[in-house]
Amino acid sequence: MAHATPSQTIGPYWHLLLEPSWADLTRFGATGEVITLEGQITDGAGALVTDACVEIWQTSPPISETFDGFGRSRTDMNGMFHFKTIRPGPTPGLGNAQQAPHLALTILARGITKALMTRVYFEGDDGQDTDPVLNLIEDPKRRATLIAKKTSEGSYRTDICLQGPAETVFLDV
């Protein structure tokens, strides 16, 4: 079986994907409500993306010695990525706007020349109806591509489609 080389994916940082602890944001002893997030990435034709790097960033809870707010996971042969983190809370936005709890998510992979950025919100969380970023997306079906579905207590799933009719909303930042 052929494996991706650094030049085919994310350059000299590919080795960080080979260390699964990078997908566990609680690895330094962070406390709080632990949640898991998993998802599958597909391309516009519905094919699995098995060589992607998925990063999450969060500002809530605040960065500390036990919580660095950053994680990185590779997709496996089923196009799946997995993270363990602390449930984010709401964060301040511009002016008086409050942002609903969310994670920033970045995708890097073969054929993607500029990182794709999006957000992940969590099904059932308060504040989504007034979140300034979600409110920029008028079509409810498109907005739903940013909402991770609860699969069990403390576990969520968000599937990402890179293009086509079911394309996930990506942010132009």
N, C-alpha and C. Protein backbone atom coordinates (compact mmCIF):
# COMPACT_ATOMS: atom_id res chain seq x y z
N MET A 1 0.84 -1.17 0.00
CA MET A 1 0.00 0.00 0.00
C MET A 1 0.90 1.24 0.00
N ALA A 2 0.59 2.19 -0.85
CA ALA A 2 1.35 3.44 -0.92
C ALA A 2 0.89 4.39 0.17
N HIS A 3 1.82 5.12 0.73
CA HIS A 3 1.50 6.11 1.75
C HIS A 3 1.84 7.50 1.21
N ALA A 4 1.09 8.48 1.63
CA ALA A 4 1.34 9.85 1.21
C ALA A 4 2.68 10.31 1.75
N THR A 5 3.36 11.10 0.98
CA THR A 5 4.62 11.69 1.43
C THR A 5 4.34 13.12 1.83
N PRO A 6 5.23 13.73 2.61
CA PRO A 6 5.00 15.10 3.04
C PRO A 6 4.74 16.07 1.90
N SER A 7 5.43 15.92 0.79
CA SER A 7 5.23 16.88 -0.30
C SER A 7 3.86 16.73 -0.94
N GLN A 8 3.19 15.60 -0.71
CA GLN A 8 1.87 15.40 -1.28
C GLN A 8 0.77 15.94 -0.38
N THR A 9 1.08 16.28 0.83
CA THR A 9 0.03 16.66 1.76
C THR A 9 0.32 18.01 2.40
N ILE A 10 0.91 18.01 3.57
CA ILE A 10 1.07 19.27 4.30
C ILE A 10 2.51 19.59 4.61
N GLY A 11 3.40 19.16 3.78
CA GLY A 11 4.80 19.52 3.95
C GLY A 11 5.46 18.87 5.14
N PRO A 12 6.36 19.57 5.81
CA PRO A 12 7.19 18.94 6.85
C PRO A 12 6.42 18.60 8.12
N TYR A 13 5.13 18.90 8.18
CA TYR A 13 4.37 18.63 9.40
C TYR A 13 3.58 17.32 9.33
N TRP A 14 3.72 16.57 8.24
CA TRP A 14 2.99 15.32 8.09
C TRP A 14 3.26 14.39 9.27
N HIS A 15 4.48 14.37 9.80
CA HIS A 15 4.82 13.45 10.89
C HIS A 15 3.95 13.69 12.13
N LEU A 16 3.42 14.89 12.30
CA LEU A 16 2.56 15.15 13.45
C LEU A 16 1.25 14.37 13.36
N LEU A 17 0.87 13.98 12.16
CA LEU A 17 -0.34 13.19 11.99
C LEU A 17 -0.14 11.75 12.42
N LEU A 18 1.09 11.32 12.44
CA LEU A 18 1.37 9.94 12.79
C LEU A 18 1.32 9.72 14.30
N GLU A 19 1.20 10.78 15.06
CA GLU A 19 1.13 10.71 16.52
C GLU A 19 -0.32 10.96 16.93
N PRO A 20 -1.06 9.90 17.26
CA PRO A 20 -2.49 10.06 17.55
C PRO A 20 -2.80 10.95 18.75
N SER A 21 -1.85 11.18 19.64
CA SER A 21 -2.13 12.01 20.81
C SER A 21 -2.47 13.45 20.41
N TRP A 22 -2.04 13.88 19.21
CA TRP A 22 -2.36 15.24 18.77
C TRP A 22 -3.87 15.46 18.58
N ALA A 23 -4.62 14.39 18.46
CA ALA A 23 -6.08 14.49 18.30
C ALA A 23 -6.80 14.54 19.65
N ASP A 24 -6.04 14.45 20.74
CA ASP A 24 -6.61 14.48 22.09
C ASP A 24 -6.23 15.79 22.77
N LEU A 25 -7.15 16.74 22.78
CA LEU A 25 -6.86 18.05 23.36
C LEU A 25 -6.87 18.01 24.89
N THR A 26 -7.21 16.85 25.48
CA THR A 26 -7.17 16.70 26.94
C THR A 26 -5.86 16.06 27.39
N ARG A 27 -4.93 15.82 26.48
CA ARG A 27 -3.71 15.06 26.77
C ARG A 27 -2.81 15.68 27.82
N PHE A 28 -2.96 16.98 28.08
CA PHE A 28 -2.11 17.63 29.08
C PHE A 28 -2.82 17.77 30.43
N GLY A 29 -3.97 17.11 30.58
CA GLY A 29 -4.68 17.13 31.85
C GLY A 29 -5.84 18.12 31.93
N ALA A 30 -6.30 18.61 30.80
CA ALA A 30 -7.42 19.57 30.80
C ALA A 30 -8.64 18.95 31.47
N THR A 31 -9.36 19.80 32.19
CA THR A 31 -10.58 19.34 32.85
C THR A 31 -11.76 20.10 32.28
N GLY A 32 -12.91 19.52 32.42
CA GLY A 32 -14.15 20.07 31.90
C GLY A 32 -14.95 18.94 31.29
N GLU A 33 -16.02 19.31 30.61
CA GLU A 33 -16.87 18.30 29.97
C GLU A 33 -16.17 17.78 28.72
N VAL A 34 -15.75 16.53 28.76
CA VAL A 34 -15.04 15.92 27.64
C VAL A 34 -16.05 15.47 26.59
N ILE A 35 -15.76 15.82 25.32
CA ILE A 35 -16.58 15.37 24.21
C ILE A 35 -15.68 14.77 23.14
N THR A 36 -16.29 13.97 22.29
CA THR A 36 -15.58 13.47 21.12
C THR A 36 -16.28 13.99 19.87
N LEU A 37 -15.47 14.22 18.85
CA LEU A 37 -15.99 14.66 17.55
C LEU A 37 -15.35 13.76 16.50
N GLU A 38 -16.19 13.20 15.65
CA GLU A 38 -15.69 12.42 14.54
C GLU A 38 -16.44 12.83 13.30
N GLY A 39 -15.88 12.48 12.17
CA GLY A 39 -16.53 12.77 10.92
C GLY A 39 -15.83 12.09 9.78
N GLN A 40 -16.47 12.14 8.63
CA GLN A 40 -15.93 11.54 7.42
C GLN A 40 -15.84 12.62 6.35
N ILE A 41 -14.75 12.61 5.60
CA ILE A 41 -14.57 13.59 4.53
C ILE A 41 -14.71 12.87 3.19
N THR A 42 -15.54 13.46 2.33
CA THR A 42 -15.71 12.95 0.97
C THR A 42 -15.48 14.08 -0.03
N ASP A 43 -15.12 13.69 -1.27
CA ASP A 43 -14.95 14.69 -2.31
C ASP A 43 -16.28 14.89 -3.05
N GLY A 44 -16.25 15.67 -4.10
CA GLY A 44 -17.48 15.98 -4.83
C GLY A 44 -18.13 14.79 -5.49
N ALA A 45 -17.36 13.75 -5.77
CA ALA A 45 -17.89 12.53 -6.38
C ALA A 45 -18.34 11.52 -5.33
N GLY A 46 -18.19 11.86 -4.06
CA GLY A 46 -18.57 10.95 -2.98
C GLY A 46 -17.46 10.00 -2.57
N ALA A 47 -16.27 10.14 -3.16
CA ALA A 47 -15.15 9.27 -2.80
C ALA A 47 -14.57 9.70 -1.46
N LEU A 48 -14.10 8.73 -0.69
CA LEU A 48 -13.49 9.01 0.60
C LEU A 48 -12.17 9.75 0.43
N VAL A 49 -11.92 10.73 1.29
CA VAL A 49 -10.64 11.44 1.30
C VAL A 49 -9.84 10.80 2.44
N THR A 50 -8.88 9.98 2.06
CA THR A 50 -8.17 9.15 3.03
C THR A 50 -6.80 9.70 3.42
N ASP A 51 -6.45 10.88 2.92
CA ASP A 51 -5.13 11.43 3.21
C ASP A 51 -5.20 12.89 3.64
N ALA A 52 -6.25 13.25 4.33
CA ALA A 52 -6.41 14.63 4.78
C ALA A 52 -5.86 14.84 6.18
N CYS A 53 -5.46 16.07 6.43
CA CYS A 53 -5.11 16.54 7.77
C CYS A 53 -6.25 17.43 8.21
N VAL A 54 -6.82 17.14 9.35
CA VAL A 54 -7.91 17.94 9.91
C VAL A 54 -7.40 18.56 11.20
N GLU A 55 -7.54 19.87 11.30
CA GLU A 55 -7.13 20.58 12.52
C GLU A 55 -8.34 21.23 13.14
N ILE A 56 -8.39 21.24 14.47
CA ILE A 56 -9.40 22.02 15.18
C ILE A 56 -8.70 23.02 16.09
N TRP A 57 -9.33 24.15 16.23
CA TRP A 57 -8.86 25.22 17.11
C TRP A 57 -10.06 25.68 17.92
N GLN A 58 -9.84 26.00 19.18
CA GLN A 58 -10.92 26.56 19.98
C GLN A 58 -10.36 27.55 20.99
N THR A 59 -11.15 28.59 21.27
CA THR A 59 -10.73 29.60 22.24
C THR A 59 -11.46 29.46 23.56
N SER A 60 -12.39 28.52 23.62
CA SER A 60 -13.11 28.26 24.85
C SER A 60 -13.10 26.75 25.05
N PRO A 61 -12.64 26.28 26.22
CA PRO A 61 -12.13 27.04 27.35
C PRO A 61 -10.83 27.76 26.99
N PRO A 62 -10.44 28.72 27.82
CA PRO A 62 -9.23 29.49 27.53
C PRO A 62 -7.98 28.60 27.47
N ILE A 63 -7.03 29.02 26.67
CA ILE A 63 -5.75 28.33 26.55
C ILE A 63 -5.05 28.36 27.92
N SER A 64 -4.44 27.24 28.29
CA SER A 64 -3.74 27.15 29.58
C SER A 64 -2.63 26.11 29.45
N GLU A 65 -1.95 25.86 30.55
CA GLU A 65 -0.89 24.84 30.55
C GLU A 65 -1.45 23.45 30.29
N THR A 66 -2.72 23.23 30.64
CA THR A 66 -3.31 21.91 30.46
C THR A 66 -4.21 21.82 29.22
N PHE A 67 -4.42 22.95 28.55
CA PHE A 67 -5.30 22.95 27.38
C PHE A 67 -4.76 23.94 26.35
N ASP A 68 -4.23 23.40 25.24
CA ASP A 68 -3.65 24.30 24.24
C ASP A 68 -4.62 24.73 23.15
N GLY A 69 -5.84 24.18 23.15
CA GLY A 69 -6.87 24.63 22.23
C GLY A 69 -6.67 24.23 20.78
N PHE A 70 -5.72 23.32 20.50
CA PHE A 70 -5.40 22.92 19.14
C PHE A 70 -5.25 21.41 19.05
N GLY A 71 -5.81 20.83 17.99
CA GLY A 71 -5.64 19.40 17.76
C GLY A 71 -5.52 19.11 16.28
N ARG A 72 -4.93 17.96 15.98
CA ARG A 72 -4.71 17.57 14.59
C ARG A 72 -4.96 16.07 14.46
N SER A 73 -5.72 15.70 13.42
CA SER A 73 -6.03 14.30 13.16
C SER A 73 -5.89 14.02 11.66
N ARG A 74 -5.49 12.83 11.33
CA ARG A 74 -5.48 12.42 9.93
C ARG A 74 -6.76 11.65 9.64
N THR A 75 -7.13 11.59 8.39
CA THR A 75 -8.24 10.73 8.03
C THR A 75 -7.69 9.33 7.79
N ASP A 76 -8.48 8.34 8.15
CA ASP A 76 -8.06 6.95 7.98
C ASP A 76 -8.54 6.42 6.63
N MET A 77 -8.44 5.13 6.42
CA MET A 77 -8.81 4.53 5.14
C MET A 77 -10.31 4.61 4.87
N ASN A 78 -11.10 4.98 5.87
CA ASN A 78 -12.54 5.20 5.69
C ASN A 78 -12.87 6.68 5.62
N GLY A 79 -11.83 7.52 5.50
CA GLY A 79 -12.05 8.96 5.43
C GLY A 79 -12.45 9.59 6.75
N MET A 80 -12.26 8.85 7.85
CA MET A 80 -12.71 9.30 9.17
C MET A 80 -11.61 10.03 9.93
N PHE A 81 -12.01 11.07 10.67
CA PHE A 81 -11.12 11.75 11.61
C PHE A 81 -11.78 11.68 12.98
N HIS A 82 -10.98 11.83 14.03
CA HIS A 82 -11.47 11.70 15.42
C HIS A 82 -10.75 12.68 16.32
N PHE A 83 -11.52 13.34 17.20
CA PHE A 83 -10.93 14.24 18.20
C PHE A 83 -11.58 14.00 19.56
N LYS A 84 -10.80 14.27 20.60
CA LYS A 84 -11.30 14.30 21.98
C LYS A 84 -10.92 15.67 22.51
N THR A 85 -11.90 16.40 23.04
CA THR A 85 -11.63 17.76 23.51
C THR A 85 -12.57 18.11 24.66
N ILE A 86 -12.45 19.33 25.12
CA ILE A 86 -13.35 19.87 26.15
C ILE A 86 -14.44 20.66 25.43
N ARG A 87 -15.68 20.46 25.85
CA ARG A 87 -16.80 21.16 25.21
C ARG A 87 -16.56 22.67 25.26
N PRO A 88 -16.62 23.32 24.09
CA PRO A 88 -16.45 24.78 24.09
C PRO A 88 -17.70 25.48 24.62
N GLY A 89 -17.50 26.68 25.13
CA GLY A 89 -18.61 27.52 25.54
C GLY A 89 -18.78 28.65 24.56
N PRO A 90 -19.75 29.53 24.80
CA PRO A 90 -19.91 30.69 23.92
C PRO A 90 -18.71 31.62 24.04
N THR A 91 -18.46 32.37 22.99
CA THR A 91 -17.33 33.30 22.98
C THR A 91 -17.79 34.65 22.47
N PRO A 92 -17.10 35.71 22.88
CA PRO A 92 -17.48 37.05 22.40
C PRO A 92 -17.21 37.18 20.91
N GLY A 93 -18.07 37.95 20.26
CA GLY A 93 -17.88 38.26 18.84
C GLY A 93 -17.62 39.74 18.70
N LEU A 94 -17.87 40.27 17.53
CA LEU A 94 -17.70 41.70 17.31
C LEU A 94 -18.78 42.49 18.02
N GLY A 95 -18.42 43.59 18.61
CA GLY A 95 -19.40 44.41 19.32
C GLY A 95 -20.02 43.63 20.45
N ASN A 96 -21.34 43.60 20.48
CA ASN A 96 -22.06 42.88 21.53
C ASN A 96 -22.47 41.48 21.10
N ALA A 97 -22.08 41.08 19.91
CA ALA A 97 -22.49 39.76 19.40
C ALA A 97 -21.82 38.65 20.20
N GLN A 98 -22.61 37.66 20.55
CA GLN A 98 -22.11 36.46 21.23
C GLN A 98 -22.07 35.33 20.21
N GLN A 99 -20.97 34.60 20.13
CA GLN A 99 -20.87 33.46 19.24
C GLN A 99 -21.27 32.20 19.98
N ALA A 100 -22.05 31.37 19.32
CA ALA A 100 -22.43 30.09 19.90
C ALA A 100 -21.20 29.21 20.05
N PRO A 101 -21.23 28.24 20.97
CA PRO A 101 -20.09 27.33 21.11
C PRO A 101 -19.74 26.68 19.78
N HIS A 102 -18.46 26.68 19.45
CA HIS A 102 -18.03 26.12 18.17
C HIS A 102 -16.54 25.80 18.19
N LEU A 103 -16.12 25.05 17.19
CA LEU A 103 -14.72 24.78 16.92
C LEU A 103 -14.41 25.34 15.54
N ALA A 104 -13.23 25.88 15.35
CA ALA A 104 -12.75 26.20 14.02
C ALA A 104 -12.11 24.94 13.47
N LEU A 105 -12.38 24.62 12.20
CA LEU A 105 -11.87 23.40 11.61
C LEU A 105 -11.18 23.73 10.29
N THR A 106 -10.00 23.18 10.08
CA THR A 106 -9.22 23.40 8.87
C THR A 106 -8.90 22.06 8.23
N ILE A 107 -9.00 22.01 6.90
CA ILE A 107 -8.69 20.78 6.16
C ILE A 107 -7.57 21.07 5.17
N LEU A 108 -6.55 20.22 5.22
CA LEU A 108 -5.43 20.25 4.27
C LEU A 108 -5.35 18.87 3.64
N ALA A 109 -5.19 18.81 2.32
CA ALA A 109 -5.09 17.51 1.67
C ALA A 109 -4.55 17.66 0.25
N ARG A 110 -4.21 16.55 -0.32
CA ARG A 110 -3.76 16.48 -1.70
C ARG A 110 -4.79 17.18 -2.60
N GLY A 111 -4.30 18.02 -3.48
CA GLY A 111 -5.19 18.69 -4.42
C GLY A 111 -5.81 19.97 -3.89
N ILE A 112 -5.66 20.25 -2.60
CA ILE A 112 -6.19 21.48 -2.02
C ILE A 112 -5.01 22.43 -1.86
N THR A 113 -5.00 23.49 -2.66
CA THR A 113 -3.85 24.40 -2.64
C THR A 113 -3.94 25.44 -1.55
N LYS A 114 -5.12 25.70 -1.05
CA LYS A 114 -5.31 26.64 0.06
C LYS A 114 -6.18 25.93 1.10
N ALA A 115 -5.76 25.96 2.34
CA ALA A 115 -6.51 25.27 3.40
C ALA A 115 -7.98 25.67 3.37
N LEU A 116 -8.85 24.69 3.59
CA LEU A 116 -10.28 24.94 3.68
C LEU A 116 -10.63 25.15 5.14
N MET A 117 -11.36 26.22 5.42
CA MET A 117 -11.71 26.54 6.81
C MET A 117 -13.21 26.59 6.97
N THR A 118 -13.65 26.04 8.07
CA THR A 118 -15.07 26.05 8.38
C THR A 118 -15.23 26.07 9.89
N ARG A 119 -16.44 25.92 10.35
CA ARG A 119 -16.72 25.84 11.78
C ARG A 119 -17.57 24.61 12.05
N VAL A 120 -17.52 24.16 13.29
CA VAL A 120 -18.38 23.08 13.75
C VAL A 120 -19.11 23.58 14.99
N TYR A 121 -20.43 23.62 14.88
CA TYR A 121 -21.31 23.92 16.01
C TYR A 121 -21.91 22.60 16.47
N PHE A 122 -22.56 22.58 17.62
CA PHE A 122 -23.05 21.33 18.19
C PHE A 122 -24.56 21.35 18.32
N GLU A 123 -25.18 20.31 17.80
CA GLU A 123 -26.63 20.16 17.83
C GLU A 123 -27.16 20.40 19.25
N GLY A 124 -28.17 21.27 19.33
CA GLY A 124 -28.83 21.52 20.60
C GLY A 124 -28.24 22.64 21.44
N ASP A 125 -27.08 23.18 21.06
CA ASP A 125 -26.48 24.26 21.85
C ASP A 125 -27.25 25.57 21.66
N ASP A 126 -27.32 26.34 22.72
CA ASP A 126 -27.96 27.65 22.68
C ASP A 126 -27.12 28.64 21.88
N GLY A 127 -27.76 29.67 21.37
CA GLY A 127 -27.07 30.78 20.72
C GLY A 127 -26.89 30.64 19.22
N GLN A 128 -27.26 29.52 18.65
CA GLN A 128 -27.06 29.36 17.21
C GLN A 128 -27.97 30.27 16.39
N ASP A 129 -29.14 30.58 16.92
CA ASP A 129 -30.06 31.45 16.17
C ASP A 129 -29.58 32.89 16.09
N THR A 130 -28.66 33.28 16.97
CA THR A 130 -28.13 34.64 16.94
C THR A 130 -26.63 34.70 16.64
N ASP A 131 -26.01 33.55 16.36
CA ASP A 131 -24.58 33.53 16.06
C ASP A 131 -24.32 34.33 14.79
N PRO A 132 -23.37 35.29 14.83
CA PRO A 132 -23.14 36.15 13.67
C PRO A 132 -22.64 35.41 12.43
N VAL A 133 -21.88 34.34 12.58
CA VAL A 133 -21.40 33.60 11.41
C VAL A 133 -22.51 32.73 10.84
N LEU A 134 -23.21 32.00 11.68
CA LEU A 134 -24.32 31.18 11.17
C LEU A 134 -25.38 32.03 10.48
N ASN A 135 -25.59 33.25 10.97
CA ASN A 135 -26.61 34.11 10.37
C ASN A 135 -26.21 34.65 9.00
N LEU A 136 -24.95 34.50 8.62
CA LEU A 136 -24.53 34.89 7.27
C LEU A 136 -24.99 33.86 6.23
N ILE A 137 -25.37 32.68 6.68
CA ILE A 137 -25.78 31.60 5.79
C ILE A 137 -27.30 31.56 5.76
N GLU A 138 -27.90 32.03 4.67
CA GLU A 138 -29.36 32.15 4.60
C GLU A 138 -30.08 30.82 4.44
N ASP A 139 -29.54 29.94 3.64
CA ASP A 139 -30.18 28.66 3.34
C ASP A 139 -30.04 27.71 4.52
N PRO A 140 -31.15 27.30 5.14
CA PRO A 140 -31.08 26.40 6.30
C PRO A 140 -30.36 25.07 6.00
N LYS A 141 -30.48 24.56 4.78
CA LYS A 141 -29.80 23.31 4.43
C LYS A 141 -28.29 23.51 4.42
N ARG A 142 -27.84 24.64 3.94
CA ARG A 142 -26.40 24.94 3.93
C ARG A 142 -25.91 25.18 5.36
N ARG A 143 -26.70 25.91 6.15
CA ARG A 143 -26.33 26.18 7.54
C ARG A 143 -26.17 24.87 8.31
N ALA A 144 -27.00 23.90 8.00
CA ALA A 144 -26.97 22.60 8.70
C ALA A 144 -25.66 21.86 8.47
N THR A 145 -24.91 22.20 7.42
CA THR A 145 -23.63 21.52 7.17
C THR A 145 -22.59 21.86 8.24
N LEU A 146 -22.86 22.87 9.06
CA LEU A 146 -21.93 23.27 10.12
C LEU A 146 -22.33 22.75 11.50
N ILE A 147 -23.44 22.02 11.57
CA ILE A 147 -23.93 21.54 12.86
C ILE A 147 -23.61 20.06 13.04
N ALA A 148 -22.76 19.74 14.02
CA ALA A 148 -22.44 18.35 14.32
C ALA A 148 -23.63 17.72 15.03
N LYS A 149 -23.97 16.52 14.62
CA LYS A 149 -25.10 15.79 15.19
C LYS A 149 -24.64 14.98 16.40
N LYS A 150 -25.47 14.98 17.41
CA LYS A 150 -25.18 14.19 18.61
C LYS A 150 -25.42 12.72 18.30
N THR A 151 -24.42 11.88 18.55
CA THR A 151 -24.56 10.44 18.29
C THR A 151 -24.79 9.64 19.57
N SER A 152 -24.30 10.17 20.67
CA SER A 152 -24.53 9.59 21.99
C SER A 152 -24.12 10.65 23.00
N GLU A 153 -24.27 10.38 24.26
CA GLU A 153 -23.91 11.38 25.27
C GLU A 153 -22.43 11.72 25.15
N GLY A 154 -22.14 13.00 24.88
CA GLY A 154 -20.77 13.46 24.78
C GLY A 154 -20.07 13.16 23.47
N SER A 155 -20.80 12.65 22.48
CA SER A 155 -20.20 12.32 21.18
C SER A 155 -20.98 12.98 20.05
N TYR A 156 -20.22 13.52 19.09
CA TYR A 156 -20.82 14.23 17.96
C TYR A 156 -20.15 13.79 16.67
N ARG A 157 -20.91 13.95 15.58
CA ARG A 157 -20.38 13.61 14.26
C ARG A 157 -20.70 14.73 13.29
N THR A 158 -19.69 15.10 12.51
CA THR A 158 -19.86 16.08 11.43
C THR A 158 -19.18 15.53 10.19
N ASP A 159 -19.94 15.29 9.14
CA ASP A 159 -19.37 14.82 7.89
C ASP A 159 -19.13 16.02 6.99
N ILE A 160 -18.05 15.96 6.24
CA ILE A 160 -17.64 17.10 5.42
C ILE A 160 -17.55 16.66 3.97
N CYS A 161 -18.24 17.40 3.11
CA CYS A 161 -18.18 17.17 1.67
C CYS A 161 -17.44 18.35 1.05
N LEU A 162 -16.40 18.07 0.28
CA LEU A 162 -15.53 19.12 -0.23
C LEU A 162 -16.13 19.92 -1.38
N GLN A 163 -17.06 19.35 -2.14
CA GLN A 163 -17.71 20.11 -3.21
C GLN A 163 -18.95 19.37 -3.68
N GLY A 164 -19.72 20.04 -4.53
CA GLY A 164 -20.93 19.43 -5.07
C GLY A 164 -22.16 19.88 -4.33
N PRO A 165 -23.30 19.23 -4.62
CA PRO A 165 -24.59 19.65 -4.04
C PRO A 165 -24.64 19.59 -2.51
N ALA A 166 -23.90 18.68 -1.92
CA ALA A 166 -23.90 18.54 -0.45
C ALA A 166 -22.71 19.22 0.19
N GLU A 167 -22.05 20.14 -0.54
CA GLU A 167 -20.81 20.77 -0.06
C GLU A 167 -21.01 21.45 1.30
N THR A 168 -20.04 21.22 2.17
CA THR A 168 -19.99 21.89 3.46
C THR A 168 -19.72 23.37 3.21
N VAL A 169 -20.27 24.23 4.06
CA VAL A 169 -19.97 25.66 3.96
C VAL A 169 -18.54 25.88 4.44
N PHE A 170 -17.74 26.52 3.59
CA PHE A 170 -16.38 26.89 3.94
C PHE A 170 -16.31 28.40 4.04
N LEU A 171 -15.44 28.89 4.92
CA LEU A 171 -15.34 30.32 5.19
C LEU A 171 -14.24 30.94 4.37
N ASP A 172 -14.47 32.12 3.87
CA ASP A 172 -13.47 32.85 3.12
C ASP A 172 -12.78 33.80 4.10
N VAL A 173 -11.64 33.36 4.60
CA VAL A 173 -10.93 34.16 5.61
C VAL A 173 -9.59 34.63 5.10
